[in-house]
Amino acid sequence: MRCTLAGAVAVLLASAALTAADFWEEKDFTTWSPQQIDKILTDSPWAKKATLVLGSLQEGGSGGGFQSSGAGVGGGGGAARDSDAGGSEFQGVRRIPVTVAWISALPVRQAIARLRAGVDAPVLPDDKRLPEDEAFYVVAVAGMPTRVAQAGALKEVLERTALRSKRKEAIKPADIRIVPESKQTVRVEFVFPKSDAIALDDKEVEFVTKIGAADIARKFTLADMVVRGRLAL
């Protein structure tokens, strides 16, 4: 009996934790805390972290060292140098975190509006009346090093970018925008048409791109991107 009771309590606590985590369903966005805003923008159903691994092994080079001319992407992790990898050939590798986010999704636009207003200031009236949907899907890669973003011609980047699902042909972007974030980083925004709209039946959608030598791919589960019964993209 004790085991059964303990198991039931554990299930209830887990359910409560899951419910509490979905603050975007329960709280008006004008009351979101800085931590909740950050979660929406960096670690939520609409935002996934990735890591650019800068540096490529130069075959035949003296000392077998890395050069910072190449880039790839892995999953998660913070910015660091692989100086403790056990060999001098790893000392030139840098890991730079980026975020792939659906900035056209209503929760993300709400978080940006809350951030723009400031924590202690009221949200502007126009931002309180954000439309449910945008005319296009917009997916951004935030925190991209400026030199990496400049390494690929925009036309080539567009050709290498897509939204993919198992049920539809790949959706190609109609436009690309480069937005400065700081002296070192930019946000690369991809604008996709909604002519063949993504639906819940697609189950999952994957964003893929290649900027310079950096390959980026992130999958998003559509069932997790529903807010108040509507798919928020």
Protein backbone atom coordinates (compact mmCIF):
# COMPACT_ATOMS: atom_id res chain seq x y z
CA MET A 1 0.00 0.00 0.00
CA ARG A 2 2.84 2.36 0.86
CA CYS A 3 4.52 1.73 -2.50
CA THR A 4 1.26 2.38 -4.32
CA LEU A 5 0.70 5.62 -2.42
CA ALA A 6 4.29 6.75 -3.02
CA GLY A 7 3.94 5.97 -6.72
CA ALA A 8 0.70 7.95 -6.94
CA VAL A 9 2.27 10.95 -5.20
CA ALA A 10 5.23 10.81 -7.59
CA VAL A 11 2.90 10.80 -10.60
CA LEU A 12 0.92 13.75 -9.23
CA LEU A 13 4.08 15.75 -8.56
CA ALA A 14 5.42 15.02 -12.03
CA SER A 15 2.11 16.05 -13.60
CA ALA A 16 2.06 19.26 -11.58
CA ALA A 17 5.60 20.07 -12.67
CA LEU A 18 4.75 19.57 -16.32
CA THR A 19 1.67 21.75 -16.02
CA ALA A 20 3.59 24.49 -14.24
CA ALA A 21 6.23 24.45 -16.98
CA ASP A 22 3.68 25.50 -19.61
CA PHE A 23 3.48 29.08 -18.35
CA TRP A 24 2.78 30.31 -21.89
CA GLU A 25 -0.59 28.57 -21.62
CA GLU A 26 -1.41 29.75 -18.10
CA LYS A 27 -0.03 33.29 -17.78
CA ASP A 28 -0.59 36.44 -19.79
CA PHE A 29 2.67 37.26 -21.54
CA THR A 30 2.71 40.76 -20.05
CA THR A 31 3.44 39.10 -16.68
CA TRP A 32 6.23 36.78 -17.83
CA SER A 33 9.41 36.94 -15.74
CA PRO A 34 12.89 37.47 -17.25
CA GLN A 35 13.58 33.77 -16.74
CA GLN A 36 10.40 32.80 -18.59
CA ILE A 37 11.20 35.18 -21.44
CA ASP A 38 14.67 33.66 -21.72
CA LYS A 39 13.22 30.14 -21.77
CA ILE A 40 10.84 30.97 -24.62
CA LEU A 41 13.66 32.51 -26.66
CA THR A 42 16.38 29.93 -26.01
CA ASP A 43 15.01 26.60 -24.73
CA SER A 44 11.37 25.94 -25.58
CA PRO A 45 9.28 24.11 -28.18
CA TRP A 46 10.03 27.06 -30.50
CA ALA A 47 13.75 27.51 -29.77
CA LYS A 48 16.51 24.90 -29.86
CA LYS A 49 20.17 25.31 -29.00
CA ALA A 50 22.97 24.22 -31.30
CA THR A 51 26.75 24.52 -31.24
CA LEU A 52 28.96 25.74 -34.07
CA VAL A 53 32.26 23.89 -34.01
CA LEU A 54 34.79 26.20 -35.66
CA GLY A 55 38.02 24.72 -36.94
CA SER A 56 38.97 22.00 -39.40
CA LEU A 57 41.79 19.48 -39.40
CA GLN A 58 44.31 20.38 -42.06
CA GLU A 59 45.76 17.22 -43.58
CA GLY A 60 49.45 17.45 -44.16
CA GLY A 61 49.76 20.64 -42.15
CA SER A 62 52.66 21.10 -39.76
CA GLY A 63 51.77 19.82 -36.32
CA GLY A 64 48.34 18.56 -37.47
CA GLY A 65 46.67 21.65 -36.02
CA PHE A 66 43.23 23.07 -36.70
CA GLN A 67 42.47 26.22 -38.68
CA SER A 68 39.43 28.40 -38.08
CA SER A 69 38.29 28.38 -41.70
CA GLY A 70 35.78 25.56 -41.33
CA ALA A 71 32.65 25.09 -39.22
CA GLY A 72 30.19 22.37 -38.35
CA VAL A 73 27.35 22.07 -35.89
CA GLY A 74 26.72 19.75 -32.99
CA GLY A 75 24.10 19.57 -30.28
CA GLY A 76 24.19 21.74 -27.17
CA GLY A 77 27.07 22.99 -25.11
CA GLY A 78 28.60 26.35 -24.38
CA ALA A 79 31.34 28.38 -26.03
CA ALA A 80 34.74 26.93 -25.27
CA ARG A 81 38.09 25.95 -26.71
CA ASP A 82 38.99 22.26 -26.85
CA SER A 83 42.37 22.85 -25.24
CA ASP A 84 41.99 19.88 -22.88
CA ALA A 85 41.35 17.26 -25.53
CA GLY A 86 44.69 15.56 -24.97
CA GLY A 87 46.56 16.72 -28.08
CA SER A 88 47.79 19.93 -29.65
CA GLU A 89 45.77 19.15 -32.78
CA PHE A 90 42.57 20.10 -30.86
CA GLN A 91 43.73 23.41 -29.48
CA GLY A 92 42.37 25.50 -32.38
CA VAL A 93 38.77 24.27 -32.09
CA ARG A 94 36.13 26.70 -30.80
CA ARG A 95 32.56 25.88 -29.85
CA ILE A 96 30.08 28.73 -30.24
CA PRO A 97 26.45 28.37 -29.10
CA VAL A 98 23.66 29.51 -31.40
CA THR A 99 19.87 29.26 -31.17
CA VAL A 100 17.40 28.21 -33.87
CA ALA A 101 14.03 29.87 -33.17
CA TRP A 102 10.65 30.31 -34.84
CA ILE A 103 10.42 34.08 -34.42
CA SER A 104 7.11 34.17 -36.30
CA ALA A 105 5.46 32.02 -33.59
CA LEU A 106 3.15 33.97 -31.29
CA PRO A 107 4.87 32.97 -27.99
CA VAL A 108 8.24 34.08 -29.36
CA ARG A 109 6.82 37.39 -30.62
CA GLN A 110 5.22 37.90 -27.20
CA ALA A 111 8.52 37.23 -25.44
CA ILE A 112 10.27 39.72 -27.73
CA ALA A 113 7.57 42.33 -27.02
CA ARG A 114 7.93 41.78 -23.27
CA LEU A 115 11.71 42.04 -23.57
CA ARG A 116 11.50 45.18 -25.69
CA ALA A 117 9.27 46.90 -23.16
CA GLY A 118 11.55 46.12 -20.23
CA VAL A 119 10.81 44.08 -17.12
CA ASP A 120 9.48 47.00 -15.06
CA ALA A 121 7.63 48.80 -17.89
CA PRO A 122 4.19 48.07 -19.31
CA VAL A 123 3.92 46.41 -22.71
CA LEU A 124 3.01 48.88 -25.45
CA PRO A 125 -0.66 48.82 -26.52
CA ASP A 126 0.19 47.67 -30.06
CA ASP A 127 2.24 44.77 -28.69
CA LYS A 128 -0.68 43.67 -26.52
CA ARG A 129 -2.69 43.12 -29.72
CA LEU A 130 -0.23 40.94 -31.60
CA PRO A 131 -1.91 38.96 -34.41
CA GLU A 132 -2.28 35.22 -33.86
CA ASP A 133 -0.43 34.42 -37.10
CA GLU A 134 2.13 36.07 -39.34
CA ALA A 135 1.97 36.05 -43.14
CA PHE A 136 5.17 33.95 -43.33
CA TYR A 137 7.06 31.43 -41.25
CA VAL A 138 10.27 33.06 -40.02
CA VAL A 139 13.02 30.89 -38.55
CA ALA A 140 16.14 32.59 -37.20
CA VAL A 141 19.64 31.44 -36.30
CA ALA A 142 20.67 33.76 -33.47
CA GLY A 143 24.20 34.29 -32.18
CA MET A 144 25.85 33.53 -35.52
CA PRO A 145 29.43 34.87 -35.69
CA THR A 146 29.52 37.67 -38.25
CA ARG A 147 32.47 36.21 -40.13
CA VAL A 148 30.69 32.86 -40.52
CA ALA A 149 27.50 34.47 -41.82
CA GLN A 150 29.53 36.46 -44.34
CA ALA A 151 31.29 33.32 -45.55
CA GLY A 152 28.31 32.17 -47.61
CA ALA A 153 26.73 34.08 -50.50
CA LEU A 154 23.06 34.77 -49.76
CA LYS A 155 21.86 32.98 -52.90
CA GLU A 156 23.80 29.85 -51.95
CA VAL A 157 22.46 29.99 -48.40
CA LEU A 158 18.86 30.18 -49.69
CA GLU A 159 19.46 27.13 -51.88
CA ARG A 160 20.79 25.17 -48.91
CA THR A 161 17.95 26.04 -46.54
CA ALA A 162 14.58 24.30 -46.11
CA LEU A 163 11.79 23.23 -43.80
CA ARG A 164 11.30 19.48 -44.12
CA SER A 165 8.60 17.08 -43.02
CA LYS A 166 7.74 13.50 -43.95
CA ARG A 167 4.38 14.42 -45.49
CA LYS A 168 5.28 17.37 -47.71
CA GLU A 169 7.88 18.54 -50.16
CA ALA A 170 10.54 20.72 -48.59
CA ILE A 171 9.54 24.35 -48.14
CA LYS A 172 12.22 26.68 -49.50
CA PRO A 173 12.76 30.20 -48.13
CA ALA A 174 11.58 33.20 -50.13
CA ASP A 175 13.96 35.63 -48.47
CA ILE A 176 16.83 35.96 -46.00
CA ARG A 177 17.64 38.80 -43.61
CA ILE A 178 20.84 39.53 -41.69
CA VAL A 179 20.18 41.45 -38.45
CA PRO A 180 23.16 42.72 -36.39
CA GLU A 181 23.10 41.65 -32.73
CA SER A 182 26.50 42.89 -31.58
CA LYS A 183 29.93 43.65 -33.01
CA GLN A 184 30.65 39.93 -33.18
CA THR A 185 27.29 38.28 -33.95
CA VAL A 186 24.29 38.55 -36.23
CA ARG A 187 20.85 36.94 -36.41
CA VAL A 188 20.13 35.24 -39.73
CA GLU A 189 16.38 35.19 -40.45
CA PHE A 190 14.83 32.93 -43.08
CA VAL A 191 11.38 33.82 -44.45
CA PHE A 192 9.29 30.87 -45.69
CA PRO A 193 5.97 31.06 -47.61
CA LYS A 194 2.82 29.49 -46.18
CA SER A 195 1.47 28.35 -49.53
CA ASP A 196 1.73 24.73 -48.35
CA ALA A 197 1.01 25.27 -44.69
CA ILE A 198 2.50 23.05 -42.01
CA ALA A 199 -0.17 21.12 -40.08
CA LEU A 200 -0.27 19.03 -36.91
CA ASP A 201 -0.54 15.90 -39.05
CA ASP A 202 3.02 16.56 -40.21
CA LYS A 203 4.06 15.53 -36.67
CA GLU A 204 7.54 17.00 -36.93
CA VAL A 205 9.34 19.65 -38.97
CA GLU A 206 13.08 20.00 -39.46
CA PHE A 207 14.92 23.22 -40.23
CA VAL A 208 18.13 22.76 -42.20
CA THR A 209 20.61 25.27 -43.55
CA LYS A 210 24.26 25.70 -44.44
CA ILE A 211 25.94 29.06 -43.90
CA GLY A 212 29.49 29.11 -45.12
CA ALA A 213 30.88 25.78 -43.89
CA ALA A 214 28.40 25.56 -40.99
CA ASP A 215 25.69 22.90 -41.29
CA ILE A 216 22.70 23.40 -38.98
CA ALA A 217 19.75 21.05 -38.54
CA ARG A 218 17.13 21.11 -35.80
CA LYS A 219 13.86 19.18 -35.46
CA PHE A 220 10.72 20.59 -33.85
CA THR A 221 7.78 18.53 -32.53
CA LEU A 222 4.58 20.18 -33.70
CA ALA A 223 2.37 18.79 -30.91
CA ASP A 224 4.53 20.73 -28.43
CA MET A 225 4.03 23.96 -30.38
CA VAL A 226 0.28 24.18 -29.78
CA VAL A 227 -1.00 27.07 -27.67
CA ARG A 228 -4.63 27.16 -26.60
CA GLY A 229 -5.58 24.62 -29.22
CA ARG A 230 -3.79 26.34 -32.15
CA LEU A 231 -0.51 25.45 -33.80
CA ALA A 232 1.77 28.42 -33.17
CA LEU A 233 4.32 28.82 -35.95
